[in-house]
Amino acid sequence: MSLEANLDDLRQHAEDFDRRVGFTYTVLSVPGDDVIGCVYIYGSRQDPGVTDVRSWVRADHASLDAELYRVVSDWLAREWPFERVAYAPR
């Protein structure tokens, strides 16, 4: 992705967040502030009663993918008011 396309993507995510129609979070390394992945939370395009969640981690941190899934799943269940979440298990 070009820098310009990436900036456009970031602007769209920020606009979605401001409008409360989608939420994108950066996953950072600990310790440090190295970006190692992302989490996307959006309403389903196919089913209005479902919240779609996607996440990824960089290939050099692939071993953290299942842990990210667990942490995000727990966080959503504990803190978010979603009735149904579609988040592909790891």
N, C-alpha and C. Protein backbone atom coordinates (compact mmCIF):
# COMPACT_ATOMS: atom_id res chain seq x y z
N MET A 1 0.85 -1.17 0.00
CA MET A 1 0.00 0.00 0.00
C MET A 1 0.90 1.24 0.00
N SER A 2 0.57 2.18 -0.83
CA SER A 2 1.36 3.40 -0.89
C SER A 2 1.11 4.24 0.37
N LEU A 3 2.01 5.17 0.63
CA LEU A 3 1.83 6.06 1.79
C LEU A 3 0.54 6.86 1.66
N GLU A 4 0.25 7.32 0.45
CA GLU A 4 -0.97 8.10 0.22
C GLU A 4 -2.22 7.24 0.47
N ALA A 5 -2.23 6.01 -0.01
CA ALA A 5 -3.36 5.12 0.22
C ALA A 5 -3.50 4.80 1.70
N ASN A 6 -2.38 4.60 2.38
CA ASN A 6 -2.41 4.32 3.80
C ASN A 6 -3.00 5.51 4.57
N LEU A 7 -2.61 6.72 4.21
CA LEU A 7 -3.13 7.91 4.87
C LEU A 7 -4.63 8.04 4.63
N ASP A 8 -5.09 7.77 3.41
CA ASP A 8 -6.52 7.79 3.12
C ASP A 8 -7.27 6.76 3.98
N ASP A 9 -6.68 5.57 4.12
CA ASP A 9 -7.26 4.52 4.94
C ASP A 9 -7.38 4.96 6.40
N LEU A 10 -6.31 5.57 6.92
CA LEU A 10 -6.33 6.06 8.30
C LEU A 10 -7.37 7.15 8.50
N ARG A 11 -7.50 8.02 7.53
CA ARG A 11 -8.52 9.08 7.62
C ARG A 11 -9.93 8.49 7.66
N GLN A 12 -10.17 7.47 6.84
CA GLN A 12 -11.49 6.83 6.83
C GLN A 12 -11.78 6.17 8.17
N HIS A 13 -10.79 5.47 8.73
CA HIS A 13 -10.99 4.84 10.04
C HIS A 13 -11.27 5.89 11.12
N ALA A 14 -10.58 7.02 11.07
CA ALA A 14 -10.81 8.08 12.04
C ALA A 14 -12.22 8.66 11.90
N GLU A 15 -12.66 8.83 10.66
CA GLU A 15 -14.02 9.33 10.43
C GLU A 15 -15.05 8.32 10.94
N ASP A 16 -14.83 7.04 10.67
CA ASP A 16 -15.75 6.00 11.16
C ASP A 16 -15.82 6.03 12.69
N PHE A 17 -14.67 6.18 13.33
CA PHE A 17 -14.61 6.24 14.80
C PHE A 17 -15.40 7.44 15.31
N ASP A 18 -15.17 8.60 14.70
CA ASP A 18 -15.88 9.81 15.11
C ASP A 18 -17.39 9.67 14.96
N ARG A 19 -17.83 8.98 13.90
CA ARG A 19 -19.26 8.76 13.65
C ARG A 19 -19.82 7.57 14.43
N ARG A 20 -18.93 6.85 15.12
CA ARG A 20 -19.31 5.67 15.92
C ARG A 20 -19.91 4.56 15.06
N VAL A 21 -19.39 4.40 13.84
CA VAL A 21 -19.85 3.32 12.97
C VAL A 21 -18.79 2.22 12.81
N GLY A 22 -17.59 2.48 13.28
CA GLY A 22 -16.52 1.50 13.22
C GLY A 22 -15.38 1.93 14.12
N PHE A 23 -14.66 0.92 14.61
CA PHE A 23 -13.60 1.20 15.57
C PHE A 23 -12.36 0.41 15.16
N THR A 24 -11.28 1.11 14.95
CA THR A 24 -10.02 0.49 14.56
C THR A 24 -8.98 0.82 15.61
N TYR A 25 -8.29 -0.22 16.06
CA TYR A 25 -7.28 -0.05 17.11
C TYR A 25 -5.94 -0.61 16.63
N THR A 26 -4.90 0.10 16.96
CA THR A 26 -3.54 -0.35 16.68
C THR A 26 -3.08 -1.25 17.81
N VAL A 27 -2.41 -2.34 17.45
CA VAL A 27 -1.84 -3.25 18.45
C VAL A 27 -0.35 -2.93 18.55
N LEU A 28 0.09 -2.60 19.75
CA LEU A 28 1.48 -2.21 19.98
C LEU A 28 2.23 -3.30 20.74
N SER A 29 3.52 -3.36 20.52
CA SER A 29 4.36 -4.30 21.26
C SER A 29 4.51 -3.82 22.70
N VAL A 30 4.76 -4.77 23.59
CA VAL A 30 5.02 -4.46 24.99
C VAL A 30 6.30 -5.18 25.36
N PRO A 31 7.31 -4.52 25.86
CA PRO A 31 7.39 -3.07 26.00
C PRO A 31 7.66 -2.42 24.63
N GLY A 32 7.45 -1.15 24.58
CA GLY A 32 7.73 -0.40 23.36
C GLY A 32 6.47 0.12 22.72
N ASP A 33 6.64 0.71 21.57
CA ASP A 33 5.50 1.25 20.85
C ASP A 33 5.55 0.88 19.38
N ASP A 34 6.07 -0.30 19.11
CA ASP A 34 6.17 -0.82 17.75
C ASP A 34 4.81 -1.36 17.32
N VAL A 35 4.29 -0.91 16.17
CA VAL A 35 3.01 -1.41 15.67
C VAL A 35 3.19 -2.83 15.18
N ILE A 36 2.43 -3.76 15.80
CA ILE A 36 2.54 -5.16 15.41
C ILE A 36 1.24 -5.73 14.86
N GLY A 37 0.17 -4.93 14.85
CA GLY A 37 -1.09 -5.42 14.31
C GLY A 37 -2.21 -4.41 14.43
N CYS A 38 -3.42 -4.89 14.15
CA CYS A 38 -4.60 -4.03 14.17
C CYS A 38 -5.83 -4.85 14.53
N VAL A 39 -6.84 -4.17 15.09
CA VAL A 39 -8.15 -4.76 15.37
C VAL A 39 -9.20 -3.85 14.75
N TYR A 40 -10.16 -4.45 14.04
CA TYR A 40 -11.24 -3.71 13.39
C TYR A 40 -12.57 -4.21 13.93
N ILE A 41 -13.43 -3.29 14.36
CA ILE A 41 -14.76 -3.61 14.88
C ILE A 41 -15.78 -2.81 14.09
N TYR A 42 -16.59 -3.50 13.30
CA TYR A 42 -17.58 -2.85 12.43
C TYR A 42 -18.87 -3.64 12.43
N GLY A 43 -19.97 -2.96 12.20
CA GLY A 43 -21.24 -3.64 12.01
C GLY A 43 -21.20 -4.48 10.74
N SER A 44 -21.84 -5.62 10.78
CA SER A 44 -21.88 -6.52 9.63
C SER A 44 -22.62 -5.87 8.47
N ARG A 45 -22.12 -6.06 7.28
CA ARG A 45 -22.82 -5.58 6.08
C ARG A 45 -23.96 -6.53 5.70
N GLN A 46 -23.87 -7.80 6.12
CA GLN A 46 -24.88 -8.79 5.77
C GLN A 46 -25.99 -8.90 6.82
N ASP A 47 -25.67 -8.66 8.08
CA ASP A 47 -26.64 -8.84 9.17
C ASP A 47 -26.51 -7.69 10.16
N PRO A 48 -27.50 -6.80 10.20
CA PRO A 48 -27.40 -5.64 11.10
C PRO A 48 -27.28 -5.98 12.58
N GLY A 49 -27.64 -7.20 12.98
CA GLY A 49 -27.56 -7.59 14.37
C GLY A 49 -26.22 -8.17 14.77
N VAL A 50 -25.27 -8.20 13.84
CA VAL A 50 -23.97 -8.82 14.09
C VAL A 50 -22.87 -7.77 13.99
N THR A 51 -21.90 -7.89 14.88
CA THR A 51 -20.71 -7.05 14.83
C THR A 51 -19.55 -7.90 14.32
N ASP A 52 -18.94 -7.48 13.23
CA ASP A 52 -17.79 -8.18 12.65
C ASP A 52 -16.52 -7.66 13.29
N VAL A 53 -15.66 -8.57 13.69
CA VAL A 53 -14.37 -8.21 14.27
C VAL A 53 -13.29 -8.94 13.47
N ARG A 54 -12.28 -8.20 13.10
CA ARG A 54 -11.13 -8.77 12.41
C ARG A 54 -9.88 -8.26 13.09
N SER A 55 -8.83 -9.05 13.03
CA SER A 55 -7.55 -8.61 13.57
C SER A 55 -6.43 -9.28 12.80
N TRP A 56 -5.27 -8.67 12.90
CA TRP A 56 -4.07 -9.25 12.30
C TRP A 56 -2.86 -8.85 13.12
N VAL A 57 -1.84 -9.65 13.00
CA VAL A 57 -0.53 -9.31 13.56
C VAL A 57 0.51 -9.50 12.47
N ARG A 58 1.58 -8.77 12.56
CA ARG A 58 2.66 -8.91 11.58
C ARG A 58 3.21 -10.33 11.61
N ALA A 59 3.74 -10.76 10.48
CA ALA A 59 4.28 -12.12 10.36
C ALA A 59 5.35 -12.40 11.41
N ASP A 60 6.16 -11.39 11.75
CA ASP A 60 7.22 -11.63 12.73
C ASP A 60 6.69 -11.69 14.17
N HIS A 61 5.37 -11.53 14.33
CA HIS A 61 4.72 -11.68 15.63
C HIS A 61 3.55 -12.67 15.54
N ALA A 62 3.58 -13.54 14.56
CA ALA A 62 2.48 -14.47 14.32
C ALA A 62 2.14 -15.31 15.54
N SER A 63 3.11 -15.57 16.37
CA SER A 63 2.87 -16.37 17.58
C SER A 63 1.90 -15.68 18.54
N LEU A 64 1.65 -14.39 18.36
CA LEU A 64 0.74 -13.64 19.25
C LEU A 64 -0.70 -13.61 18.74
N ASP A 65 -0.95 -14.17 17.56
CA ASP A 65 -2.28 -14.07 16.96
C ASP A 65 -3.36 -14.69 17.85
N ALA A 66 -3.13 -15.88 18.36
CA ALA A 66 -4.14 -16.53 19.21
C ALA A 66 -4.35 -15.76 20.51
N GLU A 67 -3.28 -15.23 21.07
CA GLU A 67 -3.38 -14.45 22.30
C GLU A 67 -4.16 -13.15 22.05
N LEU A 68 -3.91 -12.49 20.92
CA LEU A 68 -4.67 -11.29 20.58
C LEU A 68 -6.15 -11.63 20.45
N TYR A 69 -6.46 -12.73 19.78
CA TYR A 69 -7.85 -13.17 19.66
C TYR A 69 -8.49 -13.35 21.03
N ARG A 70 -7.79 -14.02 21.94
CA ARG A 70 -8.33 -14.27 23.28
C ARG A 70 -8.56 -12.96 24.04
N VAL A 71 -7.58 -12.07 24.01
CA VAL A 71 -7.69 -10.80 24.73
C VAL A 71 -8.82 -9.95 24.16
N VAL A 72 -8.90 -9.85 22.85
CA VAL A 72 -9.96 -9.04 22.23
C VAL A 72 -11.33 -9.67 22.50
N SER A 73 -11.45 -10.98 22.39
CA SER A 73 -12.73 -11.65 22.66
C SER A 73 -13.18 -11.39 24.09
N ASP A 74 -12.27 -11.51 25.05
CA ASP A 74 -12.60 -11.25 26.45
C ASP A 74 -13.02 -9.80 26.66
N TRP A 75 -12.28 -8.88 26.06
CA TRP A 75 -12.57 -7.44 26.18
C TRP A 75 -13.95 -7.12 25.60
N LEU A 76 -14.27 -7.68 24.44
CA LEU A 76 -15.57 -7.42 23.83
C LEU A 76 -16.70 -7.96 24.71
N ALA A 77 -16.54 -9.15 25.23
CA ALA A 77 -17.57 -9.76 26.08
C ALA A 77 -17.77 -8.98 27.37
N ARG A 78 -16.69 -8.44 27.91
CA ARG A 78 -16.72 -7.75 29.20
C ARG A 78 -17.18 -6.29 29.08
N GLU A 79 -16.74 -5.59 28.03
CA GLU A 79 -16.89 -4.13 27.98
C GLU A 79 -17.82 -3.59 26.90
N TRP A 80 -18.16 -4.39 25.90
CA TRP A 80 -18.95 -3.87 24.78
C TRP A 80 -20.37 -4.46 24.82
N PRO A 81 -21.37 -3.70 24.39
CA PRO A 81 -22.76 -4.15 24.48
C PRO A 81 -23.26 -4.93 23.26
N PHE A 82 -22.38 -5.65 22.57
CA PHE A 82 -22.79 -6.36 21.36
C PHE A 82 -23.54 -7.64 21.70
N GLU A 83 -24.63 -7.88 20.97
CA GLU A 83 -25.39 -9.11 21.18
C GLU A 83 -24.72 -10.30 20.48
N ARG A 84 -24.28 -10.08 19.23
CA ARG A 84 -23.65 -11.17 18.48
C ARG A 84 -22.38 -10.63 17.81
N VAL A 85 -21.29 -11.37 18.01
CA VAL A 85 -20.01 -10.98 17.45
C VAL A 85 -19.53 -12.08 16.51
N ALA A 86 -19.11 -11.69 15.32
CA ALA A 86 -18.51 -12.63 14.36
C ALA A 86 -17.01 -12.34 14.33
N TYR A 87 -16.23 -13.24 14.92
CA TYR A 87 -14.79 -13.07 15.01
C TYR A 87 -14.21 -14.47 14.83
N ALA A 88 -13.61 -14.72 13.70
CA ALA A 88 -13.12 -16.06 13.37
C ALA A 88 -12.16 -16.58 14.42
N PRO A 89 -12.46 -17.74 15.02
CA PRO A 89 -11.59 -18.30 16.06
C PRO A 89 -10.21 -18.66 15.52
N ARG A 90 -9.25 -18.66 16.39
CA ARG A 90 -7.89 -19.06 16.03
C ARG A 90 -7.66 -20.46 16.47
